[in-house]
Protein backbone atom coordinates (compact mmCIF):
# COMPACT_ATOMS: atom_id res chain seq x y z
CA UNK A 1 43.07 7.43 90.08
CA UNK A 2 45.92 5.83 88.00
CA UNK A 3 45.42 2.74 85.62
CA UNK A 4 48.38 0.57 85.03
CA UNK A 5 48.36 -1.75 82.06
CA UNK A 6 49.97 -5.04 83.03
CA UNK A 7 49.83 -6.51 79.44
CA UNK A 8 52.73 -6.07 77.30
CA UNK A 9 52.55 -4.29 73.85
CA UNK A 10 53.13 -7.50 72.03
CA UNK A 11 50.10 -9.12 73.69
CA UNK A 12 47.95 -6.30 72.73
CA UNK A 13 49.05 -6.54 68.89
CA UNK A 14 48.19 -10.22 68.96
CA UNK A 15 44.78 -9.61 70.27
CA UNK A 16 44.07 -7.12 67.44
CA UNK A 17 45.53 -9.51 64.77
CA UNK A 18 43.29 -12.25 66.19
CA UNK A 19 40.16 -10.06 65.66
CA UNK A 20 41.15 -9.10 62.25
CA UNK A 21 41.75 -12.91 61.38
CA UNK A 22 38.34 -13.91 62.71
CA UNK A 23 36.58 -11.06 60.75
CA UNK A 24 38.49 -12.14 57.47
CA UNK A 25 37.47 -15.55 58.05
CA UNK A 26 33.73 -14.85 58.72
CA UNK A 27 33.53 -12.68 55.55
CA UNK A 28 35.18 -15.71 53.48
CA UNK A 29 32.58 -18.12 55.05
CA UNK A 30 29.72 -15.68 53.70
CA UNK A 31 31.30 -15.40 50.37
CA UNK A 32 31.76 -19.10 50.00
CA UNK A 33 28.41 -19.71 51.03
CA UNK A 34 26.81 -17.27 48.51
CA UNK A 35 29.06 -18.68 45.83
CA UNK A 36 27.69 -22.21 46.57
CA UNK A 37 24.14 -21.11 46.56
CA UNK A 38 24.76 -19.42 43.24
CA UNK A 39 26.31 -22.51 41.83
CA UNK A 40 23.40 -24.65 43.06
CA UNK A 41 20.92 -22.09 41.46
CA UNK A 42 22.83 -22.22 37.97
CA UNK A 43 22.78 -25.95 38.27
CA UNK A 44 19.08 -26.07 38.72
CA UNK A 45 18.57 -23.76 35.78
CA UNK A 46 20.79 -25.59 33.50
CA UNK A 47 18.98 -28.73 34.61
CA UNK A 48 15.47 -27.31 33.98
CA UNK A 49 16.61 -25.81 30.57
CA UNK A 50 17.96 -29.22 29.63
CA UNK A 51 14.54 -30.72 30.48
CA UNK A 52 12.81 -27.97 28.27
CA UNK A 53 15.04 -28.45 25.42
CA UNK A 54 14.53 -32.10 25.56
CA UNK A 55 10.77 -31.70 25.58
CA UNK A 56 10.81 -29.26 22.69
CA UNK A 57 12.99 -31.64 20.75
CA UNK A 58 10.64 -34.50 21.53
CA UNK A 59 7.63 -32.33 20.32
CA UNK A 60 9.45 -31.41 17.11
CA UNK A 61 10.14 -35.06 16.34
CA UNK A 62 6.51 -35.89 17.11
CA UNK A 63 5.34 -33.06 14.87
CA UNK A 64 7.89 -33.71 12.11
CA UNK A 65 7.80 -37.42 11.52
CA UNK A 66 6.25 -38.95 14.62
CA UNK A 67 9.56 -40.57 16.21
CA UNK A 68 9.34 -38.77 19.51
CA UNK A 69 7.75 -40.27 22.91
CA UNK A 70 4.10 -39.90 23.63
CA UNK A 71 3.25 -38.36 20.21
CA UNK A 72 -0.53 -39.13 20.31
CA UNK A 73 -1.67 -35.52 21.38
CA UNK A 74 0.32 -34.02 18.55
CA UNK A 75 -1.87 -35.21 15.77
CA UNK A 76 -0.62 -36.28 12.27
CA UNK A 77 3.17 -35.68 11.80
CA UNK A 78 3.83 -33.09 8.96
CA UNK A 79 6.02 -35.27 6.90
CA UNK A 80 3.43 -38.10 6.84
CA UNK A 81 0.88 -35.83 5.06
CA UNK A 82 0.39 -36.72 1.44
CA UNK A 83 2.13 -34.42 -1.14
CA UNK A 84 3.84 -32.38 1.47
CA UNK A 85 6.49 -31.32 -0.92
CA UNK A 86 4.03 -29.73 -3.22
CA UNK A 87 2.20 -27.97 -0.39
CA UNK A 88 5.47 -26.62 1.13
CA UNK A 89 6.53 -25.47 -2.37
CA UNK A 90 2.94 -23.56 -3.04
CA UNK A 91 3.47 -21.90 0.61
CA UNK A 92 6.81 -20.67 -0.32
CA UNK A 93 5.59 -19.37 -3.73
CA UNK A 94 2.46 -17.75 -1.98
CA UNK A 95 4.84 -15.54 0.10
CA UNK A 96 5.99 -13.98 -2.87
CA UNK A 97 2.68 -13.18 -4.43
CA UNK A 98 2.30 -9.89 -2.84
CA UNK A 99 5.97 -8.85 -3.87
CA UNK A 100 5.37 -9.95 -7.53
CA UNK A 101 1.96 -8.28 -7.66
CA UNK A 102 3.43 -4.99 -6.44
CA UNK A 103 6.27 -5.16 -8.95
CA UNK A 104 3.87 -5.87 -11.78
CA UNK A 105 4.00 -3.51 -14.54
CA UNK A 106 0.66 -1.92 -16.22
CA UNK A 107 1.89 -0.81 -19.37
CA UNK A 108 -1.75 -0.02 -20.36
CA UNK A 109 -1.49 3.18 -18.67
CA UNK A 110 0.62 4.41 -21.44
CA UNK A 111 -2.78 4.96 -23.56
CA UNK A 112 -4.15 6.93 -20.71
CA UNK A 113 -0.83 8.99 -20.69
CA UNK A 114 -1.03 9.55 -24.48
CA UNK A 115 -4.66 10.51 -24.29
CA UNK A 116 -3.78 13.45 -21.86
CA UNK A 117 -0.53 14.75 -23.44
CA UNK A 118 -1.54 14.65 -27.04
CA UNK A 119 -3.41 17.86 -28.14
CA UNK A 120 -6.41 16.52 -29.78
CA UNK A 121 -7.62 19.42 -31.76
CA UNK A 122 -10.87 19.83 -29.54
CA UNK A 123 -9.62 21.80 -26.61
CA UNK A 124 -7.06 23.48 -28.65
CA UNK A 125 -6.21 24.49 -32.23
CA UNK A 126 -3.43 21.76 -32.42
CA UNK A 127 -3.56 18.05 -33.18
CA UNK A 128 -0.90 15.52 -32.58
CA UNK A 129 -1.21 11.86 -33.70
CA UNK A 130 1.03 8.96 -33.00
CA UNK A 131 2.32 6.74 -36.08
CA UNK A 132 4.62 4.30 -34.33
CA UNK A 133 4.99 3.54 -30.68
CA UNK A 134 7.47 1.54 -28.91
CA UNK A 135 8.28 0.96 -25.18
CA UNK A 136 11.19 -0.10 -23.00
CA UNK A 137 9.86 -0.71 -19.45
CA UNK A 138 13.36 -1.58 -18.10
CA UNK A 139 14.30 2.08 -18.82
CA UNK A 140 10.91 3.48 -18.24
CA UNK A 141 11.25 4.85 -21.68
CA UNK A 142 8.49 5.10 -24.60
CA UNK A 143 9.52 6.45 -28.01
CA UNK A 144 7.20 7.25 -30.92
CA UNK A 145 6.92 8.82 -34.29
CA UNK A 146 4.19 11.55 -34.47
CA UNK A 147 2.67 13.99 -36.87
CA UNK A 148 1.30 17.34 -35.72
CA UNK A 149 -0.81 20.24 -37.26
CA UNK A 150 -2.58 23.15 -36.38
CA UNK A 151 -5.79 24.46 -37.90
CA UNK A 152 -3.90 27.24 -39.69
CA UNK A 153 -1.05 24.76 -40.60
CA UNK A 154 1.74 27.25 -39.71
CA UNK A 155 5.02 26.51 -38.17
CA UNK A 156 5.88 24.13 -35.24
CA UNK A 157 2.94 25.32 -33.13
CA UNK A 158 1.56 21.82 -32.61
CA UNK A 159 5.06 20.52 -31.40
CA UNK A 160 5.41 23.39 -28.87
CA UNK A 161 1.87 22.91 -27.57
CA UNK A 162 2.79 19.19 -27.04
CA UNK A 163 6.06 19.93 -25.40
CA UNK A 164 4.51 22.44 -22.90
CA UNK A 165 1.47 19.99 -22.27
CA UNK A 166 3.77 17.05 -21.32
CA UNK A 167 6.01 19.01 -19.04
CA UNK A 168 2.90 20.32 -17.09
CA UNK A 169 1.49 16.98 -16.78
CA UNK A 170 1.68 15.10 -13.52
CA UNK A 171 0.17 11.83 -11.93
CA UNK A 172 -1.50 11.20 -8.58
CA UNK A 173 -2.06 7.89 -6.87
CA UNK A 174 -2.99 6.67 -3.46
CA UNK A 175 -5.51 4.72 -1.29
CA UNK A 176 -9.11 4.95 -0.30
CA UNK A 177 -9.35 5.00 3.43
CA UNK A 178 -11.83 3.51 5.67
CA UNK A 179 -12.54 3.73 9.39
CA UNK A 180 -11.92 0.56 11.48
CA UNK A 181 -13.50 -0.41 14.76
CA UNK A 182 -10.29 0.80 16.66
CA UNK A 183 -10.77 4.36 15.47
CA UNK A 184 -7.93 4.10 12.80
CA UNK A 185 -8.10 4.53 9.18
CA UNK A 186 -6.85 1.63 6.94
CA UNK A 187 -6.59 1.26 3.02
CA UNK A 188 -9.56 -0.40 1.15
CA UNK A 189 -8.12 -3.09 -0.97
CA UNK A 190 -7.95 -1.64 -4.46
CA UNK A 191 -10.04 -4.46 -6.13
CA UNK A 192 -13.02 -3.19 -4.08
CA UNK A 193 -13.14 0.19 -5.57
CA UNK A 194 -14.10 1.27 -9.30
CA UNK A 195 -13.73 4.87 -10.11
CA UNK A 196 -16.06 7.24 -12.19
CA UNK A 197 -16.03 10.98 -13.00
CA UNK A 198 -19.32 13.00 -12.28
CA UNK A 199 -19.51 16.85 -12.51
CA UNK A 200 -15.81 17.06 -12.52
CA UNK A 201 -15.28 15.26 -9.48
CA UNK A 202 -13.64 11.76 -9.16
CA UNK A 203 -15.51 9.08 -7.07
CA UNK A 204 -14.63 5.61 -5.83
CA UNK A 205 -17.66 3.04 -5.89
CA UNK A 206 -16.92 0.69 -2.72
CA UNK A 207 -18.81 -2.52 -2.65
CA UNK A 208 -18.68 -3.04 0.98
CA UNK A 209 -19.44 -6.60 2.00
CA UNK A 210 -18.40 -8.14 -1.33
CA UNK A 211 -15.80 -11.03 -0.97
CA UNK A 212 -12.88 -9.47 0.64
CA UNK A 213 -14.33 -6.16 1.38
CA UNK A 214 -16.73 -7.02 4.41
CA UNK A 215 -15.15 -5.11 7.19
CA UNK A 216 -17.73 -3.68 9.61
CA UNK A 217 -17.60 0.10 10.29
CA UNK A 218 -17.27 1.46 13.83
CA UNK A 219 -20.92 2.92 13.67
CA UNK A 220 -23.90 0.63 14.06
CA UNK A 221 -27.53 1.84 13.95
CA UNK A 222 -30.07 1.12 16.61
CA UNK A 223 -32.02 -0.89 14.08
CA UNK A 224 -29.03 -3.14 13.39
CA UNK A 225 -28.62 -3.84 17.18
CA UNK A 226 -32.30 -4.63 17.41
CA UNK A 227 -32.02 -7.14 14.58
CA UNK A 228 -29.04 -8.67 16.13
CA UNK A 229 -30.87 -8.94 19.44
CA UNK A 230 -33.93 -10.52 17.76
CA UNK A 231 -31.59 -12.90 15.90
CA UNK A 232 -30.06 -14.15 19.01
CA UNK A 233 -33.62 -14.78 20.40
CA UNK A 234 -34.67 -16.73 17.42
CA UNK A 235 -31.48 -18.80 17.53
CA UNK A 236 -32.29 -19.62 21.34
CA UNK A 237 -35.84 -20.67 20.31
CA UNK A 238 -34.51 -22.99 17.60
CA UNK A 239 -32.06 -24.53 19.93
CA UNK A 240 -34.89 -25.23 22.49
CA UNK A 241 -37.30 -26.49 19.83
CA UNK A 242 -34.71 -29.17 18.53
CA UNK A 243 -35.50 -32.87 19.12
CA UNK A 244 -32.98 -34.71 20.99
CA UNK A 245 -32.20 -36.99 18.06
CA UNK A 246 -32.40 -33.96 15.50
CA UNK A 247 -29.19 -32.33 14.23
CA UNK A 248 -28.94 -28.65 14.99
CA UNK A 249 -28.40 -26.30 11.98
CA UNK A 250 -26.30 -23.48 12.11
CA UNK A 251 -26.84 -20.95 9.22
CA UNK A 252 -24.50 -18.09 8.40
CA UNK A 253 -26.30 -15.15 6.62
CA UNK A 254 -24.29 -13.34 3.82
CA UNK A 255 -24.26 -9.63 4.51
CA UNK A 256 -25.97 -7.73 1.71
CA UNK A 257 -23.61 -5.84 -0.39
CA UNK A 258 -23.57 -2.19 -0.09
CA UNK A 259 -22.67 0.43 -2.58
CA UNK A 260 -20.77 3.19 -0.74
CA UNK A 261 -19.70 6.34 -2.83
CA UNK A 262 -16.41 8.10 -1.80
CA UNK A 263 -15.24 11.28 -3.18
CA UNK A 264 -11.63 11.45 -4.35
CA UNK A 265 -11.19 14.96 -5.49
CA UNK A 266 -11.03 17.94 -2.88
CA UNK A 267 -10.76 21.63 -3.55
CA UNK A 268 -8.05 22.15 -0.98
CA UNK A 269 -6.68 20.47 2.18
CA UNK A 270 -9.52 22.02 4.30
CA UNK A 271 -12.18 20.36 1.88
CA UNK A 272 -10.37 17.03 2.36
CA UNK A 273 -10.48 17.29 6.24
CA UNK A 274 -14.17 18.38 6.31
CA UNK A 275 -15.07 15.47 4.22
CA UNK A 276 -12.93 13.22 6.20
CA UNK A 277 -14.65 14.52 9.46
CA UNK A 278 -18.37 14.22 8.04
CA UNK A 279 -18.86 17.86 7.24
CA UNK A 280 -19.01 17.75 3.59
CA UNK A 281 -21.32 20.24 1.91
CA UNK A 282 -21.63 18.23 -1.26
CA UNK A 283 -22.78 15.05 0.42
CA UNK A 284 -26.59 15.88 -0.06
CA UNK A 285 -26.24 16.84 -3.71
CA UNK A 286 -24.39 13.45 -4.43
CA UNK A 287 -26.13 11.26 -2.08
CA UNK A 288 -23.18 10.14 -0.44
CA UNK A 289 -24.08 10.17 3.15
CA UNK A 290 -20.77 8.30 4.08
CA UNK A 291 -18.41 11.20 5.26
CA UNK A 292 -16.69 10.71 8.41
CA UNK A 293 -15.82 7.11 7.61
CA UNK A 294 -14.00 7.28 4.13
CA UNK A 295 -11.75 9.64 2.37
CA UNK A 296 -9.04 9.35 -0.30
CA UNK A 297 -5.20 9.61 0.72
CA UNK A 298 -3.36 11.01 -2.16
CA UNK A 299 0.41 10.38 -2.32
CA UNK A 300 1.21 13.26 -4.74
CA UNK A 301 -0.86 16.18 -4.24
CA UNK A 302 0.48 19.17 -2.41
CA UNK A 303 -0.93 21.91 -0.52
CA UNK A 304 0.65 25.30 0.62
CA UNK A 305 0.65 26.63 4.29
CA UNK A 306 -2.86 28.26 3.78
CA UNK A 307 -4.25 24.71 2.57
CA UNK A 308 -4.61 25.59 -1.05
CA UNK A 309 -3.42 23.26 -3.67
CA UNK A 310 0.09 23.85 -4.87
CA UNK A 311 0.26 22.85 -8.58
CA UNK A 312 3.84 23.72 -8.88
CA UNK A 313 4.98 21.57 -5.79
CA UNK A 314 2.72 18.58 -7.15
CA UNK A 315 4.30 18.83 -10.45
CA UNK A 316 7.71 18.69 -8.77
CA UNK A 317 6.80 15.86 -6.73
CA UNK A 318 5.04 13.74 -9.35
CA UNK A 319 5.83 14.72 -12.78
CA UNK A 320 5.36 12.11 -15.35
CA UNK A 321 8.90 12.92 -16.62
CA UNK A 322 12.05 12.00 -14.86
CA UNK A 323 14.84 14.67 -14.96
CA UNK A 324 15.31 15.70 -18.62
CA UNK A 325 12.95 13.22 -19.78
CA UNK A 326 11.68 14.78 -23.13
CA UNK A 327 13.68 14.69 -26.29
CA UNK A 328 12.23 15.69 -29.62
CA UNK A 329 14.44 15.04 -32.77
CA UNK A 330 13.96 14.58 -36.59
CA UNK A 331 11.38 17.16 -37.08
CA UNK A 332 10.60 18.25 -40.77
CA UNK A 333 7.78 18.66 -43.02
CA UNK A 334 5.75 16.16 -45.01
CA UNK A 335 2.44 14.96 -46.14
CA UNK A 336 0.02 13.51 -43.97
CA UNK A 337 -3.72 12.39 -44.10
CA UNK A 338 -5.64 13.89 -46.97
CA UNK A 339 -2.34 15.04 -48.34
CA UNK A 340 -2.13 17.86 -45.71
CA UNK A 341 1.22 19.39 -44.83
CA UNK A 342 1.97 18.20 -41.54
CA UNK A 343 4.97 18.35 -39.10
CA UNK A 344 6.70 14.95 -38.42
CA UNK A 345 8.83 14.41 -35.52
CA UNK A 346 10.28 11.73 -33.10
CA UNK A 347 9.82 11.63 -29.45
CA UNK A 348 11.76 9.89 -26.43
CA UNK A 349 9.90 10.13 -23.13
CA UNK A 350 11.90 8.87 -19.98
CA UNK A 351 9.05 8.56 -17.37
CA UNK A 352 8.92 8.17 -13.75
CA UNK A 353 9.03 4.52 -12.79
CA UNK A 354 6.01 4.88 -10.36
CA UNK A 355 3.59 5.49 -13.36
CA UNK A 356 3.64 1.81 -14.29
CA UNK A 357 3.84 -0.05 -11.06
CA UNK A 358 0.90 -1.98 -9.78
CA UNK A 359 1.69 -0.86 -6.23
CA UNK A 360 0.80 2.77 -7.34
CA UNK A 361 -2.75 2.13 -6.80
CA UNK A 362 -5.69 4.27 -8.46
CA UNK A 363 -3.27 5.93 -10.88
CA UNK A 364 -4.59 9.30 -12.29
CA UNK A 365 -2.97 11.43 -14.98
CA UNK A 366 -3.61 14.96 -15.00
CA UNK A 367 -2.78 17.33 -17.82
CA UNK A 368 -2.60 21.18 -17.56
CA UNK A 369 -6.25 21.52 -19.20
CA UNK A 370 -7.39 19.59 -16.09
CA UNK A 371 -8.18 16.57 -18.25
CA UNK A 372 -7.58 13.41 -16.49
CA UNK A 373 -7.50 9.64 -17.01
CA UNK A 374 -7.93 7.14 -14.23
CA UNK A 375 -7.17 3.29 -14.08
CA UNK A 376 -10.66 2.68 -14.19
CA UNK A 377 -10.99 4.86 -17.41
CA UNK A 378 -8.33 4.40 -19.97
CA UNK A 379 -9.42 5.53 -23.36
CA UNK A 380 -8.03 4.67 -26.65
CA UNK A 381 -9.17 7.53 -28.81
CA UNK A 382 -8.42 8.15 -32.33
CA UNK A 383 -4.64 9.07 -31.88
CA UNK A 384 -3.06 7.07 -34.33
CA UNK A 385 -2.28 7.92 -37.91
CA UNK A 386 0.00 6.63 -40.89
CA UNK A 387 3.41 8.05 -40.78
CA UNK A 388 3.92 11.37 -42.82
CA UNK A 389 5.58 11.08 -46.41
CA UNK A 390 8.80 13.21 -46.27
CA UNK A 391 8.94 16.04 -48.66
CA UNK A 392 11.39 18.11 -46.90
CA UNK A 393 13.94 17.65 -44.06
CA UNK A 394 14.48 20.40 -41.41
CA UNK A 395 16.64 20.50 -38.36
CA UNK A 396 15.07 20.52 -35.07
């Protein structure tokens, strides 16, 4: 069978163009409708946003000075409070209290420092006494004139002993930590802790439930739960026994202050972890009974890979001296107390700035003989003497 097309080629091309035109027109209609819908959506969003902004501006006016519409539900406007300027000034100042407190300088620590680094003639044959002391906190610098002598009064032994002792002295600071109800440790406020030394170990005495220190621990005994249940029952009975005309009394009992002893000194990293996890062998001897909830987090003490204390790394991390911070000059012989021949010299010490910052909590200064002084125990022993009378000058 044969088919013969009677439509000329021109007609066929016309039909194809019409189909293409219709398709393009249809697509344009869809795009135009989509754009129109998007425009309507954006107009609705802008209108809603304008209404929300207007409502918020009205609330701001109501809360600020009461100039808005329908302000009855917002209470007294801020600007109509008496002495509002003084209140806002105090609020601004209160925001800076923490910053100012952390930057506060505790220069009294210098006496604890001198107590550790000056040979006292008891633990060694050398004695060094200060005759004049000056400090420049802006430069973290202390300068003093001193006299030194050894039991045999020979040579520069006392001065060398002082220099070696100073270079090997370091400090430590950190926070006593407590376990929260969320199972995380947080620092205990420093004002809740006082430190003391017993049998060579440093302990922090934490007065739990004293003002500002009353956070509950994660563990509660059965007795406490029973007491709480009994208390709830008593409260229910009291409410039922109230007369209709009587006023219900709500009493808040102050929790009894508890003394919690927290050990700060650990033999090594393993000892600290055992204490932290409640496996402390010394707890029974020291009647601590609080391990597993508390420990001390040091910012300076370093431990090696085996967990042992690394004194060299600790000195590098927290030496009392800044780099090249020890300078001794003007040494020479003179007469000191009881006309003894003593060595007179001057010292410049440039110290680590962390030593005097209030933000360095629970500061401890540790000397090479393991003698230590904490913030809670700063001793001003008999470390001062009159300046030596010069009899002969020698170069240092």
